[in-house]
C-alpha atoms as a PDB file:
ATOM      1  CA  MET A   1      97.493 168.398 158.818  1.00  0.00           C
ATOM      2  CA  ARG A   2      97.171 167.467 155.283  1.00  0.00           C
ATOM      3  CA  ILE A   3      97.140 163.769 156.676  1.00  0.00           C
ATOM      4  CA  GLN A   4      94.267 165.114 158.919  1.00  0.00           C
ATOM      5  CA  THR A   5      92.680 166.599 156.162  1.00  0.00           C
ATOM      6  CA  ARG A   6      92.828 163.594 153.822  1.00  0.00           C
ATOM      7  CA  GLN A   7      91.398 161.263 156.554  1.00  0.00           C
ATOM      8  CA  VAL A   8      88.245 163.625 157.047  1.00  0.00           C
ATOM      9  CA  ALA A   9      88.191 163.833 152.947  1.00  0.00           C
ATOM     10  CA  GLN A  10      87.989 159.687 153.103  1.00  0.00           C
ATOM     11  CA  ALA A  11      85.408 159.284 155.886  1.00  0.00           C
ATOM     12  CA  VAL A  12      83.035 161.997 153.993  1.00  0.00           C
ATOM     13  CA  ILE A  13      83.011 159.797 150.796  1.00  0.00           C
ATOM     14  CA  LEU A  14      82.384 156.455 152.924  1.00  0.00           C
ATOM     15  CA  VAL A  15      80.001 158.210 154.916  1.00  0.00           C
ATOM     16  CA  ALA A  16      78.288 159.323 151.416  1.00  0.00           C
ATOM     17  CA  ILE A  17      78.878 155.674 149.600  1.00  0.00           C
ATOM     18  CA  GLY A  18      76.645 154.174 152.997  1.00  0.00           C
ATOM     19  CA  VAL A  19      73.901 156.388 152.766  1.00  0.00           C
ATOM     20  CA  ALA A  20      73.766 156.362 148.980  1.00  0.00           C
ATOM     21  CA  LEU A  21      73.590 153.134 148.618  1.00  0.00           C
ATOM     22  CA  SER A  22      71.497 152.209 151.928  1.00  0.00           C
ATOM     23  CA  PRO A  23      67.801 152.141 150.383  1.00  0.00           C
ATOM     24  CA  PHE A  24      68.833 149.992 147.876  1.00  0.00           C
ATOM     25  CA  THR A  25      70.630 147.331 149.293  1.00  0.00           C
ATOM     26  CA  SER A  26      69.000 146.958 152.537  1.00  0.00           C
ATOM     27  CA  PHE A  27      66.413 144.002 153.406  1.00  0.00           C
ATOM     28  CA  PRO A  28      64.422 143.351 156.764  1.00  0.00           C
ATOM     29  CA  ILE A  29      65.318 140.487 158.909  1.00  0.00           C
ATOM     30  CA  GLY A  30      62.751 140.128 161.414  1.00  0.00           C
ATOM     31  CA  ILE A  31      62.789 144.173 163.371  1.00  0.00           C
ATOM     32  CA  ALA A  32      66.119 144.497 161.965  1.00  0.00           C
ATOM     33  CA  LYS A  33      67.041 146.234 158.362  1.00  0.00           C
ATOM     34  CA  VAL A  34      70.295 144.614 157.378  1.00  0.00           C
ATOM     35  CA  ASN A  35      72.434 146.506 154.928  1.00  0.00           C
ATOM     36  CA  PRO A  36      75.156 144.629 153.530  1.00  0.00           C
ATOM     37  CA  THR A  37      76.871 148.066 152.268  1.00  0.00           C
ATOM     38  CA  GLN A  38      77.077 149.341 155.588  1.00  0.00           C
ATOM     39  CA  HIS A  39      79.047 146.601 156.316  1.00  0.00           C
ATOM     40  CA  PHE A  40      81.490 146.911 153.473  1.00  0.00           C
ATOM     41  CA  VAL A  41      82.086 150.643 154.620  1.00  0.00           C
ATOM     42  CA  ASN A  42      82.907 149.707 157.729  1.00  0.00           C
ATOM     43  CA  ILE A  43      85.824 146.989 156.441  1.00  0.00           C
ATOM     44  CA  VAL A  44      87.221 149.707 153.973  1.00  0.00           C
ATOM     45  CA  GLY A  45      86.910 152.162 156.707  1.00  0.00           C
ATOM     46  CA  ALA A  46      88.718 150.022 159.496  1.00  0.00           C
ATOM     47  CA  VAL A  47      91.277 149.059 156.634  1.00  0.00           C
ATOM     48  CA  LEU A  48      92.438 152.715 155.502  1.00  0.00           C
ATOM     49  CA  LEU A  49      91.502 154.467 158.696  1.00  0.00           C
ATOM     50  CA  GLY A  50      91.602 152.630 161.579  1.00  0.00           C
ATOM     51  CA  PRO A  51      88.911 151.387 164.042  1.00  0.00           C
ATOM     52  CA  TRP A  52      88.363 154.909 165.528  1.00  0.00           C
ATOM     53  CA  TRP A  53      87.685 156.326 162.702  1.00  0.00           C
ATOM     54  CA  ALA A  54      85.197 153.605 161.545  1.00  0.00           C
ATOM     55  CA  LEU A  55      83.384 153.612 164.317  1.00  0.00           C
ATOM     56  CA  ALA A  56      82.592 157.360 163.868  1.00  0.00           C
ATOM     57  CA  ILE A  57      81.502 156.665 160.273  1.00  0.00           C
ATOM     58  CA  ALA A  58      79.521 153.786 161.310  1.00  0.00           C
ATOM     59  CA  ALA A  59      77.806 156.239 164.059  1.00  0.00           C
ATOM     60  CA  ILE A  60      77.341 158.768 161.347  1.00  0.00           C
ATOM     61  CA  ILE A  61      75.815 156.300 158.738  1.00  0.00           C
ATOM     62  CA  GLY A  62      73.538 154.972 161.352  1.00  0.00           C
ATOM     63  CA  ALA A  63      72.144 158.496 162.517  1.00  0.00           C
ATOM     64  CA  ILE A  64      71.636 159.719 158.434  1.00  0.00           C
ATOM     65  CA  ARG A  65      69.966 156.127 157.765  1.00  0.00           C
ATOM     66  CA  ASN A  66      67.539 156.507 160.718  1.00  0.00           C
ATOM     67  CA  ALA A  67      66.962 160.223 160.256  1.00  0.00           C
ATOM     68  CA  LEU A  68      66.008 159.087 156.842  1.00  0.00           C
ATOM     69  CA  GLY A  69      63.819 155.988 157.687  1.00  0.00           C
ATOM     70  CA  VAL A  70      65.887 153.678 156.152  1.00  0.00           C
ATOM     71  CA  GLY A  71      67.527 152.147 158.934  1.00  0.00           C
ATOM     72  CA  THR A  72      66.330 150.982 162.416  1.00  0.00           C
ATOM     73  CA  LEU A  73      68.085 151.736 166.151  1.00  0.00           C
ATOM     74  CA  LEU A  74      69.991 148.338 165.411  1.00  0.00           C
ATOM     75  CA  ALA A  75      71.878 149.939 163.045  1.00  0.00           C
ATOM     76  CA  PHE A  76      74.260 151.670 166.560  1.00  0.00           C
ATOM     77  CA  PRO A  77      75.323 148.917 167.747  1.00  0.00           C
ATOM     78  CA  GLY A  78      75.503 146.619 165.279  1.00  0.00           C
ATOM     79  CA  GLY A  79      77.474 148.940 162.704  1.00  0.00           C
ATOM     80  CA  MET A  80      79.647 150.135 165.411  1.00  0.00           C
ATOM     81  CA  ILE A  81      80.627 147.586 166.865  1.00  0.00           C
ATOM     82  CA  GLY A  82      81.173 145.811 163.549  1.00  0.00           C
ATOM     83  CA  ALA A  83      83.355 148.599 162.390  1.00  0.00           C
ATOM     84  CA  PHE A  84      85.172 148.629 165.863  1.00  0.00           C
ATOM     85  CA  LEU A  85      85.897 144.625 165.595  1.00  0.00           C
ATOM     86  CA  ALA A  86      86.979 145.416 161.763  1.00  0.00           C
END
């Protein structure tokens, strides 16, 4: 139980970092808004928590970025595939 609580807490912190830094680090390339912070969070999440946690973190960050208008729909396939492969 304690390990799962720690993993959830780490995931929440990574989501907060990814969302908080996304307005400052994203830049447009074509129709996509590239966010290097998202990729950094994906790699850190995959190393610390594993690929499935990183996939969930990327999905949550992508949804929040789209809700805030900071991201595009390309945040989902790019972030989630990159997180799983990390």
